[in-house]
């Protein structure tokens, strides 16, 4: 199931994926300047809870948020949806787009292909 995340949601999820779990205060602590308001971050975390992307667990006076969706699962879903909607499902077109847009040299592309064949 595709879980569409906004830029703000994705920013918080990246922190949460890195930390494994966090309170709103811990999320804010890691964020860059200017720091968002506590209530702003709390609202985004409540939205993520409703989307069933995180689960809050009460610990004392605070809620500790745990991701219910892994970064890998989100990336897989996002990339699949992108490939289907923008590249008509074509893996070749999808891959070709990244090779061209990133201006990969033949040597860089060969290194990627070599690494893929090692796995």
PDB file of N, CA and C in Angstrom:
ATOM      1  N   UNK A   1       0.834  -1.189   0.000  1.00  0.00           N
ATOM      2  CA  UNK A   1       0.000   0.000   0.000  1.00  0.00           C
ATOM      3  C   UNK A   1       0.872   1.242   0.000  1.00  0.00           C
ATOM      4  N   UNK A   2       0.621   2.142  -0.927  1.00  0.00           N
ATOM      5  CA  UNK A   2       1.400   3.372  -1.042  1.00  0.00           C
ATOM      6  C   UNK A   2       1.033   4.326   0.085  1.00  0.00           C
ATOM      7  N   UNK A   3       2.016   4.780   0.810  1.00  0.00           N
ATOM      8  CA  UNK A   3       1.845   5.793   1.845  1.00  0.00           C
ATOM      9  C   UNK A   3       2.524   7.052   1.322  1.00  0.00           C
ATOM     10  N   UNK A   4       1.736   8.012   0.879  1.00  0.00           N
ATOM     11  CA  UNK A   4       2.305   9.258   0.375  1.00  0.00           C
ATOM     12  C   UNK A   4       2.686  10.149   1.546  1.00  0.00           C
ATOM     13  N   UNK A   5       3.948  10.549   1.583  1.00  0.00           N
ATOM     14  CA  UNK A   5       4.434  11.398   2.653  1.00  0.00           C
ATOM     15  C   UNK A   5       4.794  12.770   2.109  1.00  0.00           C
ATOM     16  N   UNK A   6       4.432  13.805   2.854  1.00  0.00           N
ATOM     17  CA  UNK A   6       4.808  15.163   2.494  1.00  0.00           C
ATOM     18  C   UNK A   6       6.288  15.367   2.809  1.00  0.00           C
ATOM     19  N   UNK A   7       6.825  16.497   2.372  1.00  0.00           N
ATOM     20  CA  UNK A   7       8.226  16.812   2.650  1.00  0.00           C
ATOM     21  C   UNK A   7       8.478  16.863   4.166  1.00  0.00           C
ATOM     22  N   UNK A   8       7.573  17.495   4.909  1.00  0.00           N
ATOM     23  CA  UNK A   8       7.725  17.594   6.366  1.00  0.00           C
ATOM     24  C   UNK A   8       7.643  16.217   7.017  1.00  0.00           C
ATOM     25  N   UNK A   9       6.705  15.390   6.552  1.00  0.00           N
ATOM     26  CA  UNK A   9       6.575  14.042   7.099  1.00  0.00           C
ATOM     27  C   UNK A   9       7.818  13.212   6.811  1.00  0.00           C
ATOM     28  N   UNK A  10       8.320  13.336   5.608  1.00  0.00           N
ATOM     29  CA  UNK A  10       9.505  12.572   5.217  1.00  0.00           C
ATOM     30  C   UNK A  10      10.737  13.019   6.006  1.00  0.00           C
ATOM     31  N   UNK A  11      10.846  14.317   6.271  1.00  0.00           N
ATOM     32  CA  UNK A  11      11.959  14.823   7.073  1.00  0.00           C
ATOM     33  C   UNK A  11      11.946  14.182   8.464  1.00  0.00           C
ATOM     34  N   UNK A  12      10.776  14.136   9.079  1.00  0.00           N
ATOM     35  CA  UNK A  12      10.669  13.524  10.406  1.00  0.00           C
ATOM     36  C   UNK A  12      10.864  12.023  10.349  1.00  0.00           C
ATOM     37  N   UNK A  13      10.346  11.381   9.314  1.00  0.00           N
ATOM     38  CA  UNK A  13      10.522   9.927   9.187  1.00  0.00           C
ATOM     39  C   UNK A  13      11.988   9.572   9.010  1.00  0.00           C
ATOM     40  N   UNK A  14      12.735  10.364   8.263  1.00  0.00           N
ATOM     41  CA  UNK A  14      14.166  10.085   8.105  1.00  0.00           C
ATOM     42  C   UNK A  14      14.885  10.121   9.446  1.00  0.00           C
ATOM     43  N   UNK A  15      14.533  11.081  10.281  1.00  0.00           N
ATOM     44  CA  UNK A  15      15.118  11.140  11.622  1.00  0.00           C
ATOM     45  C   UNK A  15      14.702   9.912  12.427  1.00  0.00           C
ATOM     46  N   UNK A  16      13.425   9.594  12.356  1.00  0.00           N
ATOM     47  CA  UNK A  16      12.905   8.446  13.110  1.00  0.00           C
ATOM     48  C   UNK A  16      13.530   7.140  12.630  1.00  0.00           C
ATOM     49  N   UNK A  17      13.678   6.972  11.323  1.00  0.00           N
ATOM     50  CA  UNK A  17      14.328   5.764  10.803  1.00  0.00           C
ATOM     51  C   UNK A  17      15.768   5.667  11.297  1.00  0.00           C
ATOM     52  N   UNK A  18      16.469   6.801  11.337  1.00  0.00           N
ATOM     53  CA  UNK A  18      17.856   6.796  11.802  1.00  0.00           C
ATOM     54  C   UNK A  18      17.952   6.473  13.294  1.00  0.00           C
ATOM     55  N   UNK A  19      17.046   7.043  14.084  1.00  0.00           N
ATOM     56  CA  UNK A  19      17.086   6.871  15.534  1.00  0.00           C
ATOM     57  C   UNK A  19      16.410   5.587  16.010  1.00  0.00           C
ATOM     58  N   UNK A  20      15.435   5.099  15.247  1.00  0.00           N
ATOM     59  CA  UNK A  20      14.698   3.904  15.655  1.00  0.00           C
ATOM     60  C   UNK A  20      13.433   4.234  16.425  1.00  0.00           C
ATOM     61  N   UNK A  21      13.500   5.248  17.277  1.00  0.00           N
ATOM     62  CA  UNK A  21      12.348   5.741  18.030  1.00  0.00           C
ATOM     63  C   UNK A  21      12.717   7.118  18.552  1.00  0.00           C
ATOM     64  N   UNK A  22      11.694   7.945  18.816  1.00  0.00           N
ATOM     65  CA  UNK A  22      11.986   9.288  19.322  1.00  0.00           C
ATOM     66  C   UNK A  22      10.721   9.958  19.823  1.00  0.00           C
ATOM     67  N   UNK A  23      10.924  10.857  20.780  1.00  0.00           N
ATOM     68  CA  UNK A  23       9.850  11.733  21.226  1.00  0.00           C
ATOM     69  C   UNK A  23       9.849  12.964  20.316  1.00  0.00           C
ATOM     70  N   UNK A  24       8.828  13.786  20.431  1.00  0.00           N
ATOM     71  CA  UNK A  24       8.782  15.026  19.651  1.00  0.00           C
ATOM     72  C   UNK A  24       9.997  15.890  19.986  1.00  0.00           C
ATOM     73  N   UNK A  25      10.333  16.006  21.260  1.00  0.00           N
ATOM     74  CA  UNK A  25      11.490  16.817  21.672  1.00  0.00           C
ATOM     75  C   UNK A  25      12.788  16.292  21.065  1.00  0.00           C
ATOM     76  N   UNK A  26      12.938  14.980  21.019  1.00  0.00           N
ATOM     77  CA  UNK A  26      14.146  14.384  20.431  1.00  0.00           C
ATOM     78  C   UNK A  26      14.207  14.637  18.933  1.00  0.00           C
ATOM     79  N   UNK A  27      13.059  14.605  18.267  1.00  0.00           N
ATOM     80  CA  UNK A  27      13.022  14.906  16.838  1.00  0.00           C
ATOM     81  C   UNK A  27      13.459  16.343  16.588  1.00  0.00           C
ATOM     82  N   UNK A  28      12.922  17.259  17.371  1.00  0.00           N
ATOM     83  CA  UNK A  28      13.254  18.683  17.213  1.00  0.00           C
ATOM     84  C   UNK A  28      14.738  18.919  17.461  1.00  0.00           C
ATOM     85  N   UNK A  29      15.283  18.240  18.458  1.00  0.00           N
ATOM     86  CA  UNK A  29      16.697  18.392  18.814  1.00  0.00           C
ATOM     87  C   UNK A  29      17.614  18.110  17.622  1.00  0.00           C
ATOM     88  N   UNK A  30      17.253  17.144  16.795  1.00  0.00           N
ATOM     89  CA  UNK A  30      18.077  16.732  15.655  1.00  0.00           C
ATOM     90  C   UNK A  30      17.881  17.649  14.447  1.00  0.00           C
ATOM     91  N   UNK A  31      16.751  18.340  14.400  1.00  0.00           N
ATOM     92  CA  UNK A  31      16.420  19.159  13.237  1.00  0.00           C
ATOM     93  C   UNK A  31      17.294  20.410  13.175  1.00  0.00           C
ATOM     94  N   UNK A  32      17.508  20.897  11.955  1.00  0.00           N
ATOM     95  CA  UNK A  32      18.318  22.087  11.745  1.00  0.00           C
ATOM     96  C   UNK A  32      17.591  23.358  12.148  1.00  0.00           C
ATOM     97  N   UNK A  33      18.308  24.444  12.058  1.00  0.00           N
ATOM     98  CA  UNK A  33      17.762  25.769  12.368  1.00  0.00           C
ATOM     99  C   UNK A  33      17.041  26.319  11.147  1.00  0.00           C
ATOM    100  N   UNK A  34      16.018  27.078  11.316  1.00  0.00           N
ATOM    101  CA  UNK A  34      15.347  27.355  12.570  1.00  0.00           C
ATOM    102  C   UNK A  34      14.528  26.146  13.019  1.00  0.00           C
ATOM    103  N   UNK A  35      14.552  25.887  14.298  1.00  0.00           N
ATOM    104  CA  UNK A  35      13.811  24.749  14.856  1.00  0.00           C
ATOM    105  C   UNK A  35      12.307  25.019  14.742  1.00  0.00           C
ATOM    106  N   UNK A  36      11.551  24.011  14.326  1.00  0.00           N
ATOM    107  CA  UNK A  36      10.098  24.192  14.271  1.00  0.00           C
ATOM    108  C   UNK A  36       9.500  24.193  15.677  1.00  0.00           C
ATOM    109  N   UNK A  37       8.302  24.712  15.788  1.00  0.00           N
ATOM    110  CA  UNK A  37       7.601  24.714  17.073  1.00  0.00           C
ATOM    111  C   UNK A  37       7.247  23.282  17.467  1.00  0.00           C
ATOM    112  N   UNK A  38       7.226  23.033  18.763  1.00  0.00           N
ATOM    113  CA  UNK A  38       6.864  21.715  19.290  1.00  0.00           C
ATOM    114  C   UNK A  38       5.508  21.284  18.738  1.00  0.00           C
ATOM    115  N   UNK A  39       4.538  22.205  18.755  1.00  0.00           N
ATOM    116  CA  UNK A  39       3.183  21.862  18.305  1.00  0.00           C
ATOM    117  C   UNK A  39       3.143  21.513  16.819  1.00  0.00           C
ATOM    118  N   UNK A  40       4.015  22.122  16.037  1.00  0.00           N
ATOM    119  CA  UNK A  40       4.081  21.807  14.603  1.00  0.00           C
ATOM    120  C   UNK A  40       4.537  20.371  14.392  1.00  0.00           C
ATOM    121  N   UNK A  41       5.604  19.988  15.082  1.00  0.00           N
ATOM    122  CA  UNK A  41       6.127  18.624  14.957  1.00  0.00           C
ATOM    123  C   UNK A  41       5.117  17.625  15.509  1.00  0.00           C
ATOM    124  N   UNK A  42       4.487  17.961  16.629  1.00  0.00           N
ATOM    125  CA  UNK A  42       3.478  17.079  17.205  1.00  0.00           C
ATOM    126  C   UNK A  42       2.330  16.851  16.224  1.00  0.00           C
ATOM    127  N   UNK A  43       1.885  17.898  15.565  1.00  0.00           N
ATOM    128  CA  UNK A  43       0.798  17.778  14.579  1.00  0.00           C
ATOM    129  C   UNK A  43       1.195  16.847  13.443  1.00  0.00           C
ATOM    130  N   UNK A  44       2.417  16.988  12.938  1.00  0.00           N
ATOM    131  CA  UNK A  44       2.883  16.117  11.845  1.00  0.00           C
ATOM    132  C   UNK A  44       2.943  14.670  12.334  1.00  0.00           C
ATOM    133  N   UNK A  45       3.398  14.462  13.562  1.00  0.00           N
ATOM    134  CA  UNK A  45       3.471  13.100  14.095  1.00  0.00           C
ATOM    135  C   UNK A  45       2.071  12.513  14.295  1.00  0.00           C
ATOM    136  N   UNK A  46       1.109  13.342  14.633  1.00  0.00           N
ATOM    137  CA  UNK A  46      -0.273  12.871  14.755  1.00  0.00           C
ATOM    138  C   UNK A  46      -0.832  12.467  13.386  1.00  0.00           C
ATOM    139  N   UNK A  47      -0.472  13.220  12.356  1.00  0.00           N
ATOM    140  CA  UNK A  47      -0.885  12.862  10.990  1.00  0.00           C
ATOM    141  C   UNK A  47      -0.251  11.530  10.595  1.00  0.00           C
ATOM    142  N   UNK A  48       1.024  11.361  10.896  1.00  0.00           N
ATOM    143  CA  UNK A  48       1.709  10.097  10.577  1.00  0.00           C
ATOM    144  C   UNK A  48       1.098   8.932  11.350  1.00  0.00           C
ATOM    145  N   UNK A  49       0.616   9.202  12.547  1.00  0.00           N
ATOM    146  CA  UNK A  49      -0.066   8.167  13.329  1.00  0.00           C
ATOM    147  C   UNK A  49      -1.373   7.775  12.641  1.00  0.00           C
ATOM    148  N   UNK A  50      -2.140   8.768  12.194  1.00  0.00           N
ATOM    149  CA  UNK A  50      -3.402   8.479  11.485  1.00  0.00           C
ATOM    150  C   UNK A  50      -3.153   7.741  10.179  1.00  0.00           C
ATOM    151  N   UNK A  51      -2.041   8.034   9.529  1.00  0.00           N
ATOM    152  CA  UNK A  51      -1.680   7.345   8.283  1.00  0.00           C
ATOM    153  C   UNK A  51      -1.133   5.942   8.560  1.00  0.00           C
ATOM    154  N   UNK A  52      -0.990   5.605   9.828  1.00  0.00           N
ATOM    155  CA  UNK A  52      -0.452   4.318  10.264  1.00  0.00           C
ATOM    156  C   UNK A  52       0.979   4.084   9.791  1.00  0.00           C
ATOM    157  N   UNK A  53       1.761   5.160   9.842  1.00  0.00           N
ATOM    158  CA  UNK A  53       3.172   5.099   9.481  1.00  0.00           C
ATOM    159  C   UNK A  53       4.025   5.025  10.748  1.00  0.00           C
ATOM    160  N   UNK A  54       3.502   5.588  11.836  1.00  0.00           N
ATOM    161  CA  UNK A  54       4.184   5.515  13.133  1.00  0.00           C
ATOM    162  C   UNK A  54       3.179   5.075  14.191  1.00  0.00           C
ATOM    163  N   UNK A  55       3.729   4.607  15.311  1.00  0.00           N
ATOM    164  CA  UNK A  55       2.897   4.225  16.456  1.00  0.00           C
ATOM    165  C   UNK A  55       3.459   4.931  17.685  1.00  0.00           C
ATOM    166  N   UNK A  56       2.628   5.726  18.372  1.00  0.00           N
ATOM    167  CA  UNK A  56       3.099   6.349  19.607  1.00  0.00           C
ATOM    168  C   UNK A  56       2.921   5.395  20.792  1.00  0.00           C
ATOM    169  N   UNK A  57       3.916   5.368  21.656  1.00  0.00           N
ATOM    170  CA  UNK A  57       3.845   4.572  22.884  1.00  0.00           C
ATOM    171  C   UNK A  57       4.091   5.540  24.031  1.00  0.00           C
ATOM    172  N   UNK A  58       3.146   5.590  24.948  1.00  0.00           N
ATOM    173  CA  UNK A  58       3.244   6.515  26.073  1.00  0.00           C
ATOM    174  C   UNK A  58       4.322   6.048  27.041  1.00  0.00           C
ATOM    175  N   UNK A  59       5.264   6.954  27.353  1.00  0.00           N
ATOM    176  CA  UNK A  59       6.300   6.695  28.359  1.00  0.00           C
ATOM    177  C   UNK A  59       6.373   7.927  29.245  1.00  0.00           C
ATOM    178  N   UNK A  60       5.840   7.793  30.428  1.00  0.00           N
ATOM    179  CA  UNK A  60       5.777   8.945  31.329  1.00  0.00           C
ATOM    180  C   UNK A  60       4.828   9.983  30.769  1.00  0.00           C
ATOM    181  N   UNK A  61       5.317  11.213  30.642  1.00  0.00           N
ATOM    182  CA  UNK A  61       4.487  12.297  30.116  1.00  0.00           C
ATOM    183  C   UNK A  61       4.580  12.427  28.604  1.00  0.00           C
ATOM    184  N   UNK A  62       5.495  11.719  27.996  1.00  0.00           N
ATOM    185  CA  UNK A  62       5.724  11.875  26.553  1.00  0.00           C
ATOM    186  C   UNK A  62       5.292  10.633  25.784  1.00  0.00           C
ATOM    187  N   UNK A  63       5.124  10.823  24.495  1.00  0.00           N
ATOM    188  CA  UNK A  63       4.903   9.704  23.580  1.00  0.00           C
ATOM    189  C   UNK A  63       6.218   9.450  22.843  1.00  0.00           C
ATOM    190  N   UNK A  64       6.585   8.196  22.766  1.00  0.00           N
ATOM    191  CA  UNK A  64       7.745   7.781  21.978  1.00  0.00           C
ATOM    192  C   UNK A  64       7.179   7.202  20.689  1.00  0.00           C
ATOM    193  N   UNK A  65       7.613   7.753  19.558  1.00  0.00           N
ATOM    194  CA  UNK A  65       7.107   7.314  18.268  1.00  0.00           C
ATOM    195  C   UNK A  65       8.025   6.254  17.670  1.00  0.00           C
ATOM    196  N   UNK A  66       7.391   5.202  17.149  1.00  0.00           N
ATOM    197  CA  UNK A  66       8.093   4.086  16.524  1.00  0.00           C
ATOM    198  C   UNK A  66       7.611   3.974  15.076  1.00  0.00           C
ATOM    199  N   UNK A  67       8.537   3.809  14.137  1.00  0.00           N
ATOM    200  CA  UNK A  67       8.098   3.654  12.743  1.00  0.00           C
ATOM    201  C   UNK A  67       7.413   2.300  12.531  1.00  0.00           C
ATOM    202  N   UNK A  68       6.321   2.305  11.812  1.00  0.00           N
ATOM    203  CA  UNK A  68       5.635   1.069  11.424  1.00  0.00           C
ATOM    204  C   UNK A  68       5.998   0.684   9.993  1.00  0.00           C
ATOM    205  N   UNK A  69       6.610   1.599   9.298  1.00  0.00           N
ATOM    206  CA  UNK A  69       7.010   1.420   7.911  1.00  0.00           C
ATOM    207  C   UNK A  69       8.515   1.614   7.840  1.00  0.00           C
ATOM    208  N   UNK A  70       9.232   0.670   7.262  1.00  0.00           N
ATOM    209  CA  UNK A  70      10.682   0.822   7.162  1.00  0.00           C
ATOM    210  C   UNK A  70      11.029   1.765   6.014  1.00  0.00           C
ATOM    211  N   UNK A  71      12.221   2.329   6.094  1.00  0.00           N
ATOM    212  CA  UNK A  71      12.700   3.206   5.023  1.00  0.00           C
ATOM    213  C   UNK A  71      12.740   2.432   3.705  1.00  0.00           C
ATOM    214  N   UNK A  72      13.227   1.199   3.749  1.00  0.00           N
ATOM    215  CA  UNK A  72      13.329   0.381   2.536  1.00  0.00           C
ATOM    216  C   UNK A  72      11.950   0.121   1.920  1.00  0.00           C
ATOM    217  N   UNK A  73      10.975  -0.206   2.756  1.00  0.00           N
ATOM    218  CA  UNK A  73       9.618  -0.438   2.242  1.00  0.00           C
ATOM    219  C   UNK A  73       9.040   0.835   1.628  1.00  0.00           C
ATOM    220  N   UNK A  74       9.298   1.987   2.272  1.00  0.00           N
ATOM    221  CA  UNK A  74       8.799   3.249   1.717  1.00  0.00           C
ATOM    222  C   UNK A  74       9.456   3.544   0.376  1.00  0.00           C
ATOM    223  N   UNK A  75      10.771   3.387   0.306  1.00  0.00           N
ATOM    224  CA  UNK A  75      11.495   3.648  -0.947  1.00  0.00           C
ATOM    225  C   UNK A  75      10.995   2.710  -2.038  1.00  0.00           C
ATOM    226  N   UNK A  76      10.854   1.424  -1.720  1.00  0.00           N
ATOM    227  CA  UNK A  76      10.371   0.466  -2.721  1.00  0.00           C
ATOM    228  C   UNK A  76       9.000   0.856  -3.253  1.00  0.00           C
ATOM    229  N   UNK A  77       8.105   1.217  -2.355  1.00  0.00           N
ATOM    230  CA  UNK A  77       6.759   1.611  -2.752  1.00  0.00           C
ATOM    231  C   UNK A  77       6.777   2.903  -3.570  1.00  0.00           C
ATOM    232  N   UNK A  78       7.555   3.871  -3.115  1.00  0.00           N
ATOM    233  CA  UNK A  78       7.657   5.156  -3.797  1.00  0.00           C
ATOM    234  C   UNK A  78       8.233   4.987  -5.201  1.00  0.00           C
ATOM    235  N   UNK A  79       9.301   4.220  -5.301  1.00  0.00           N
ATOM    236  CA  UNK A  79       9.942   4.021  -6.601  1.00  0.00           C
ATOM    237  C   UNK A  79       9.044   3.226  -7.543  1.00  0.00           C
ATOM    238  N   UNK A  80       8.337   2.239  -7.019  1.00  0.00           N
ATOM    239  CA  UNK A  80       7.407   1.467  -7.842  1.00  0.00           C
ATOM    240  C   UNK A  80       6.306   2.381  -8.384  1.00  0.00           C
ATOM    241  N   UNK A  81       5.734   3.189  -7.507  1.00  0.00           N
ATOM    242  CA  UNK A  81       4.666   4.110  -7.921  1.00  0.00           C
ATOM    243  C   UNK A  81       5.185   5.115  -8.946  1.00  0.00           C
ATOM    244  N   UNK A  82       6.393   5.621  -8.728  1.00  0.00           N
ATOM    245  CA  UNK A  82       6.998   6.566  -9.669  1.00  0.00           C
ATOM    246  C   UNK A  82       7.211   5.912 -11.031  1.00  0.00           C
ATOM    247  N   UNK A  83       7.748   4.700 -11.006  1.00  0.00           N
ATOM    248  CA  UNK A  83       7.989   3.978 -12.267  1.00  0.00           C
ATOM    249  C   UNK A  83       6.675   3.736 -13.005  1.00  0.00           C
ATOM    250  N   UNK A  84       5.662   3.308 -12.278  1.00  0.00           N
ATOM    251  CA  UNK A  84       4.364   3.020 -12.901  1.00  0.00           C
ATOM    252  C   UNK A  84       3.709   4.284 -13.449  1.00  0.00           C
ATOM    253  N   UNK A  85       3.724   5.364 -12.672  1.00  0.00           N
ATOM    254  CA  UNK A  85       2.971   6.561 -13.067  1.00  0.00           C
ATOM    255  C   UNK A  85       3.710   7.462 -14.048  1.00  0.00           C
ATOM    256  N   UNK A  86       5.025   7.519 -13.973  1.00  0.00           N
ATOM    257  CA  UNK A  86       5.772   8.426 -14.845  1.00  0.00           C
ATOM    258  C   UNK A  86       6.484   7.747 -16.005  1.00  0.00           C
ATOM    259  N   UNK A  87       6.739   6.459 -15.876  1.00  0.00           N
ATOM    260  CA  UNK A  87       7.501   5.754 -16.907  1.00  0.00           C
ATOM    261  C   UNK A  87       6.718   4.582 -17.494  1.00  0.00           C
ATOM    262  N   UNK A  88       5.403   4.609 -17.317  1.00  0.00           N
ATOM    263  CA  UNK A  88       4.510   3.569 -17.857  1.00  0.00           C
ATOM    264  C   UNK A  88       4.972   2.166 -17.485  1.00  0.00           C
ATOM    265  N   UNK A  89       5.572   2.040 -16.299  1.00  0.00           N
ATOM    266  CA  UNK A  89       6.004   0.748 -15.805  1.00  0.00           C
ATOM    267  C   UNK A  89       7.318   0.248 -16.377  1.00  0.00           C
ATOM    268  N   UNK A  90       7.941   1.017 -17.243  1.00  0.00           N
ATOM    269  CA  UNK A  90       9.173   0.572 -17.902  1.00  0.00           C
ATOM    270  C   UNK A  90      10.395   0.756 -16.998  1.00  0.00           C
ATOM    271  N   UNK A  91      11.002  -0.356 -16.601  1.00  0.00           N
ATOM    272  CA  UNK A  91      12.223  -0.309 -15.799  1.00  0.00           C
ATOM    273  C   UNK A  91      13.345   0.327 -16.616  1.00  0.00           C
ATOM    274  N   UNK A  92      13.393  -0.006 -17.888  1.00  0.00           N
ATOM    275  CA  UNK A  92      14.443   0.544 -18.754  1.00  0.00           C
ATOM    276  C   UNK A  92      14.358   2.068 -18.829  1.00  0.00           C
ATOM    277  N   UNK A  93      13.160   2.610 -19.051  1.00  0.00           N
ATOM    278  CA  UNK A  93      12.988   4.068 -19.116  1.00  0.00           C
ATOM    279  C   UNK A  93      13.310   4.713 -17.776  1.00  0.00           C
ATOM    280  N   UNK A  94      12.880   4.066 -16.707  1.00  0.00           N
ATOM    281  CA  UNK A  94      13.115   4.549 -15.353  1.00  0.00           C
ATOM    282  C   UNK A  94      14.620   4.645 -15.079  1.00  0.00           C
ATOM    283  N   UNK A  95      15.328   3.575 -15.333  1.00  0.00           N
ATOM    284  CA  UNK A  95      16.770   3.532 -15.107  1.00  0.00           C
ATOM    285  C   UNK A  95      17.501   4.502 -16.032  1.00  0.00           C
ATOM    286  N   UNK A  96      17.087   4.532 -17.286  1.00  0.00           N
ATOM    287  CA  UNK A  96      17.697   5.421 -18.272  1.00  0.00           C
ATOM    288  C   UNK A  96      17.568   6.882 -17.854  1.00  0.00           C
ATOM    289  N   UNK A  97      16.429   7.236 -17.293  1.00  0.00           N
ATOM    290  CA  UNK A  97      16.218   8.607 -16.825  1.00  0.00           C
ATOM    291  C   UNK A  97      17.298   8.999 -15.810  1.00  0.00           C
ATOM    292  N   UNK A  98      17.561   8.123 -14.835  1.00  0.00           N
ATOM    293  CA  UNK A  98      18.545   8.440 -13.811  1.00  0.00           C
ATOM    294  C   UNK A  98      19.963   8.497 -14.378  1.00  0.00           C
ATOM    295  N   UNK A  99      20.253   7.617 -15.282  1.00  0.00           N
ATOM    296  CA  UNK A  99      21.586   7.628 -15.899  1.00  0.00           C
ATOM    297  C   UNK A  99      21.801   8.947 -16.628  1.00  0.00           C
ATOM    298  N   UNK A 100      20.794   9.385 -17.391  1.00  0.00           N
ATOM    299  CA  UNK A 100      20.911  10.632 -18.163  1.00  0.00           C
ATOM    300  C   UNK A 100      20.865  11.865 -17.263  1.00  0.00           C
ATOM    301  N   UNK A 101      19.924  11.902 -16.326  1.00  0.00           N
ATOM    302  CA  UNK A 101      19.772  13.102 -15.494  1.00  0.00           C
ATOM    303  C   UNK A 101      20.955  13.316 -14.561  1.00  0.00           C
ATOM    304  N   UNK A 102      21.588  12.236 -14.143  1.00  0.00           N
ATOM    305  CA  UNK A 102      22.760  12.345 -13.272  1.00  0.00           C
ATOM    306  C   UNK A 102      24.059  12.442 -14.079  1.00  0.00           C
ATOM    307  N   UNK A 103      23.915  12.395 -15.400  1.00  0.00           N
ATOM    308  CA  UNK A 103      25.067  12.498 -16.313  1.00  0.00           C
ATOM    309  C   UNK A 103      26.183  11.528 -15.919  1.00  0.00           C
ATOM    310  N   UNK A 104      25.792  10.270 -15.741  1.00  0.00           N
ATOM    311  CA  UNK A 104      26.765   9.246 -15.390  1.00  0.00           C
ATOM    312  C   UNK A 104      27.660   8.938 -16.582  1.00  0.00           C
ATOM    313  N   UNK A 105      28.941   8.836 -16.307  1.00  0.00           N
ATOM    314  CA  UNK A 105      29.873   8.451 -17.359  1.00  0.00           C
ATOM    315  C   UNK A 105      29.725   6.950 -17.597  1.00  0.00           C
ATOM    316  N   UNK A 106      30.270   6.480 -18.708  1.00  0.00           N
ATOM    317  CA  UNK A 106      30.235   5.045 -18.998  1.00  0.00           C
ATOM    318  C   UNK A 106      30.976   4.272 -17.910  1.00  0.00           C
ATOM    319  N   UNK A 107      32.051   4.871 -17.389  1.00  0.00           N
ATOM    320  CA  UNK A 107      32.822   4.217 -16.337  1.00  0.00           C
ATOM    321  C   UNK A 107      31.998   4.082 -15.047  1.00  0.00           C
ATOM    322  N   UNK A 108      31.282   5.160 -14.686  1.00  0.00           N
ATOM    323  CA  UNK A 108      30.452   5.113 -13.487  1.00  0.00           C
ATOM    324  C   UNK A 108      29.329   4.087 -13.647  1.00  0.00           C
ATOM    325  N   UNK A 109      28.728   4.091 -14.822  1.00  0.00           N
ATOM    326  CA  UNK A 109      27.654   3.142 -15.097  1.00  0.00           C
ATOM    327  C   UNK A 109      28.188   1.713 -15.038  1.00  0.00           C
ATOM    328  N   UNK A 110      29.353   1.485 -15.582  1.00  0.00           N
ATOM    329  CA  UNK A 110      29.948   0.147 -15.544  1.00  0.00           C
ATOM    330  C   UNK A 110      30.227  -0.286 -14.109  1.00  0.00           C
ATOM    331  N   UNK A 111      30.689   0.638 -13.265  1.00  0.00           N
ATOM    332  CA  UNK A 111      30.935   0.320 -11.856  1.00  0.00           C
ATOM    333  C   UNK A 111      29.640  -0.104 -11.175  1.00  0.00           C
ATOM    334  N   UNK A 112      28.552   0.616 -11.470  1.00  0.00           N
ATOM    335  CA  UNK A 112      27.253   0.274 -10.890  1.00  0.00           C
ATOM    336  C   UNK A 112      26.824  -1.124 -11.342  1.00  0.00           C
ATOM    337  N   UNK A 113      26.968  -1.401 -12.646  1.00  0.00           N
ATOM    338  CA  UNK A 113      26.592  -2.700 -13.179  1.00  0.00           C
ATOM    339  C   UNK A 113      27.455  -3.812 -12.566  1.00  0.00           C
ATOM    340  N   UNK A 114      28.744  -3.538 -12.387  1.00  0.00           N
ATOM    341  CA  UNK A 114      29.642  -4.516 -11.765  1.00  0.00           C
ATOM    342  C   UNK A 114      29.223  -4.804 -10.325  1.00  0.00           C
ATOM    343  N   UNK A 115      28.879  -3.735  -9.589  1.00  0.00           N
ATOM    344  CA  UNK A 115      28.455  -3.900  -8.193  1.00  0.00           C
ATOM    345  C   UNK A 115      27.158  -4.700  -8.122  1.00  0.00           C
ATOM    346  N   UNK A 116      26.262  -4.466  -9.057  1.00  0.00           N
ATOM    347  CA  UNK A 116      24.990  -5.179  -9.084  1.00  0.00           C
ATOM    348  C   UNK A 116      25.214  -6.658  -9.375  1.00  0.00           C
ATOM    349  N   UNK A 117      26.169  -6.978 -10.224  1.00  0.00           N
ATOM    350  CA  UNK A 117      26.399  -8.380 -10.572  1.00  0.00           C
ATOM    351  C   UNK A 117      27.106  -9.127  -9.440  1.00  0.00           C
ATOM    352  N   UNK A 118      27.749  -8.393  -8.523  1.00  0.00           N
ATOM    353  CA  UNK A 118      28.409  -9.008  -7.366  1.00  0.00           C
ATOM    354  C   UNK A 118      27.412  -9.453  -6.312  1.00  0.00           C
ATOM    355  N   UNK A 119      26.234  -8.851  -6.298  1.00  0.00           N
ATOM    356  CA  UNK A 119      25.253  -9.143  -5.245  1.00  0.00           C
ATOM    357  C   UNK A 119      24.548 -10.436  -5.460  1.00  0.00           C
TER     358      UNK A 119
END
